[in-house]
Protein backbone atom coordinates (compact mmCIF):
# COMPACT_ATOMS: atom_id res chain seq x y z
CA MET A 1 -9.68 27.90 58.12
CA ALA A 2 -6.39 30.26 59.21
CA VAL A 3 -4.45 28.22 56.92
CA HIS A 4 -7.11 29.73 53.87
CA VAL A 5 -7.49 33.03 54.77
CA LEU A 6 -3.77 33.21 54.55
CA SER A 7 -3.63 31.81 51.37
CA VAL A 8 -5.72 34.16 50.52
CA LEU A 9 -3.71 37.16 51.73
CA ALA A 10 -0.96 34.96 49.70
CA TYR A 11 -2.70 35.42 46.62
CA LYS A 12 -3.60 38.69 47.00
CA ASP A 13 0.27 39.75 46.90
CA GLY A 14 0.23 42.27 49.17
CA GLU A 15 -3.17 44.29 48.44
CA ARG A 16 -5.05 44.83 51.44
CA VAL A 17 -7.80 42.13 51.61
CA THR A 18 -11.00 42.82 54.38
CA SER A 19 -12.61 40.41 56.56
CA SER A 20 -16.01 40.56 54.55
CA LEU A 21 -13.70 38.84 50.80
CA LEU A 22 -12.05 36.58 53.31
CA ALA A 23 -15.43 35.21 55.35
CA SER A 24 -16.57 35.12 51.29
CA SER A 25 -13.88 32.74 50.90
CA VAL A 26 -14.16 31.01 53.55
CA ASN A 27 -18.18 30.96 53.66
CA THR A 28 -18.40 32.79 57.83
CA ASN A 29 -19.08 35.52 58.92
CA PRO A 30 -16.77 38.26 59.05
CA VAL A 31 -16.60 38.50 62.50
CA VAL A 32 -15.51 34.98 62.58
CA ILE A 33 -13.13 36.35 60.33
CA ARG A 34 -12.33 39.54 62.20
CA ARG A 35 -11.34 37.58 65.96
CA LEU A 36 -8.63 35.44 63.85
CA MET A 37 -7.03 38.37 62.05
CA LEU A 38 -6.34 39.48 65.96
CA THR A 39 -5.11 35.76 66.92
CA LEU A 40 -2.74 36.24 63.72
CA GLN A 41 -2.05 40.07 64.09
CA ARG A 42 -0.57 39.07 67.48
CA ALA A 43 1.24 35.86 65.82
CA GLY A 44 2.95 38.64 63.90
CA LEU A 45 1.95 37.05 60.65
CA VAL A 46 -0.16 39.55 59.63
CA GLU A 47 -0.81 43.33 59.95
CA THR A 48 -4.69 44.90 59.77
CA ARG A 49 -5.52 48.60 59.15
CA LYS A 50 -8.64 50.11 59.99
CA GLY A 51 -10.20 53.12 58.54
CA MET A 52 -8.99 54.23 54.95
CA GLY A 53 -7.04 51.59 52.68
CA SER A 54 -8.59 49.15 55.55
CA GLY A 55 -7.70 45.61 55.05
CA SER A 56 -5.18 43.12 56.34
CA ARG A 57 -1.88 41.49 54.51
CA LEU A 58 0.92 39.12 55.18
CA ASN A 59 3.30 40.53 57.07
CA CYS A 60 6.30 38.59 55.23
CA SER A 61 6.55 37.11 52.56
CA ALA A 62 4.66 33.58 52.35
CA SER A 63 7.64 31.39 51.79
CA ARG A 64 8.88 32.16 55.17
CA ILE A 65 5.06 31.07 56.62
CA SER A 66 5.55 28.02 58.05
CA LEU A 67 2.84 25.64 59.20
CA ALA A 68 3.93 25.66 62.20
CA ASP A 69 3.85 29.50 62.88
CA VAL A 70 -0.02 29.09 61.65
CA TYR A 71 -0.39 26.47 64.27
CA ARG A 72 1.25 28.03 67.27
CA ALA A 73 -0.55 31.17 66.66
CA VAL A 74 -4.31 29.49 66.68
CA GLU A 75 -3.52 26.50 69.01
CA ALA A 76 -1.43 27.88 71.35
CA GLY A 77 -0.56 24.98 72.53
CA GLN A 78 -4.47 23.74 72.80
CA GLY A 79 -3.51 21.26 70.31
CA PHE A 80 -3.81 18.50 72.47
CA VAL A 81 -5.15 18.88 75.92
CA LEU A 82 -6.22 16.97 78.92
CA PRO A 83 -9.68 17.54 80.78
CA PRO A 84 -9.55 19.97 83.55
CA LYS A 85 -11.44 18.20 86.20
CA LYS A 86 -8.37 15.86 87.88
CA PRO A 87 -9.09 12.58 87.90
CA ASN A 88 -9.90 9.85 90.46
CA VAL A 89 -6.52 10.02 92.30
CA HIS A 90 -7.37 6.55 94.33
CA CYS A 91 -8.34 4.90 91.05
CA PRO A 92 -5.16 3.06 89.52
CA VAL A 93 -6.20 4.46 85.61
CA GLY A 94 -6.93 7.67 87.23
CA SER A 95 -3.91 7.90 89.60
CA CYS A 96 -1.38 7.43 85.84
CA ILE A 97 -3.44 8.44 82.93
CA GLN A 98 -2.77 12.64 83.19
CA ARG A 99 0.94 11.74 82.85
CA THR A 100 0.68 9.36 80.69
CA LEU A 101 -0.75 10.86 78.57
CA SER A 102 0.78 14.35 78.81
CA GLU A 103 3.76 12.39 77.70
CA VAL A 104 2.21 10.50 74.82
CA PHE A 105 0.53 14.27 74.09
CA SER A 106 4.28 15.86 73.86
CA SER A 107 5.41 13.60 72.03
CA VAL A 108 2.40 13.54 69.37
CA GLU A 109 2.96 17.82 69.59
CA GLU A 110 6.76 17.45 68.43
CA ALA A 111 5.92 15.12 65.59
CA VAL A 112 3.07 17.54 64.13
CA LEU A 113 5.42 20.56 64.41
CA LYS A 114 8.17 18.74 62.76
CA ASN A 115 5.92 18.18 60.26
CA LEU A 116 4.13 21.69 59.98
CA LYS A 117 7.60 23.40 59.46
CA LYS A 118 8.62 21.23 56.13
CA VAL A 119 5.49 23.62 54.60
CA THR A 120 5.23 26.94 53.95
CA LEU A 121 2.58 28.96 53.20
CA GLY A 122 3.89 29.42 49.36
CA SER A 123 4.01 26.44 49.25
CA VAL A 124 0.66 25.53 49.99
CA LEU A 125 -0.35 28.54 47.29
CA ASN A 126 1.84 27.24 44.80
CA GLN A 127 -0.52 23.74 45.12
CA VAL A 128 -3.40 25.72 45.43
CA ASN A 129 -2.71 27.44 42.09
CA GLU A 130 -1.89 24.39 40.66
CA CYS A 131 -5.16 22.33 41.33
CA CYS A 132 -7.32 25.31 40.54
CA SER A 133 -6.06 27.57 37.73
CA LYS A 134 -8.93 26.50 35.50
CA LYS A 135 -11.71 26.11 37.49
CA VAL A 136 -11.91 29.03 39.53
CA SER A 137 -12.40 32.60 38.79
CA LYS A 138 -9.84 34.94 40.22
CA LEU A 139 -10.98 36.76 43.81
């Protein structure tokens, strides 16, 4: 959803976009979008204004935002997590499973971020534009 919303902001190229328009594109409630926008704002990816001239826009060029930046902003280390309750340490599996999975999850997270760093929001928007240039009316 975050990549979708940021792609709309990139498409609008600096124009301020309301949470209603973003919600319409995503097909969700504007409240869900406003919560997401707060997260993206805290990460420095968007700026949002209330009142006169309200709406959101990207904080920098779409070509400078990698999908790794977006992932870090919305996942905040929650991509691969262990259950909060500790397993039975007297069980042979339970005594080692969390350490084992932590190593696996760390390796997977590194691989995900490495690949997401290679893709920018600008390249996503280019692909969207190519795919939909004749199918969808302008926002």
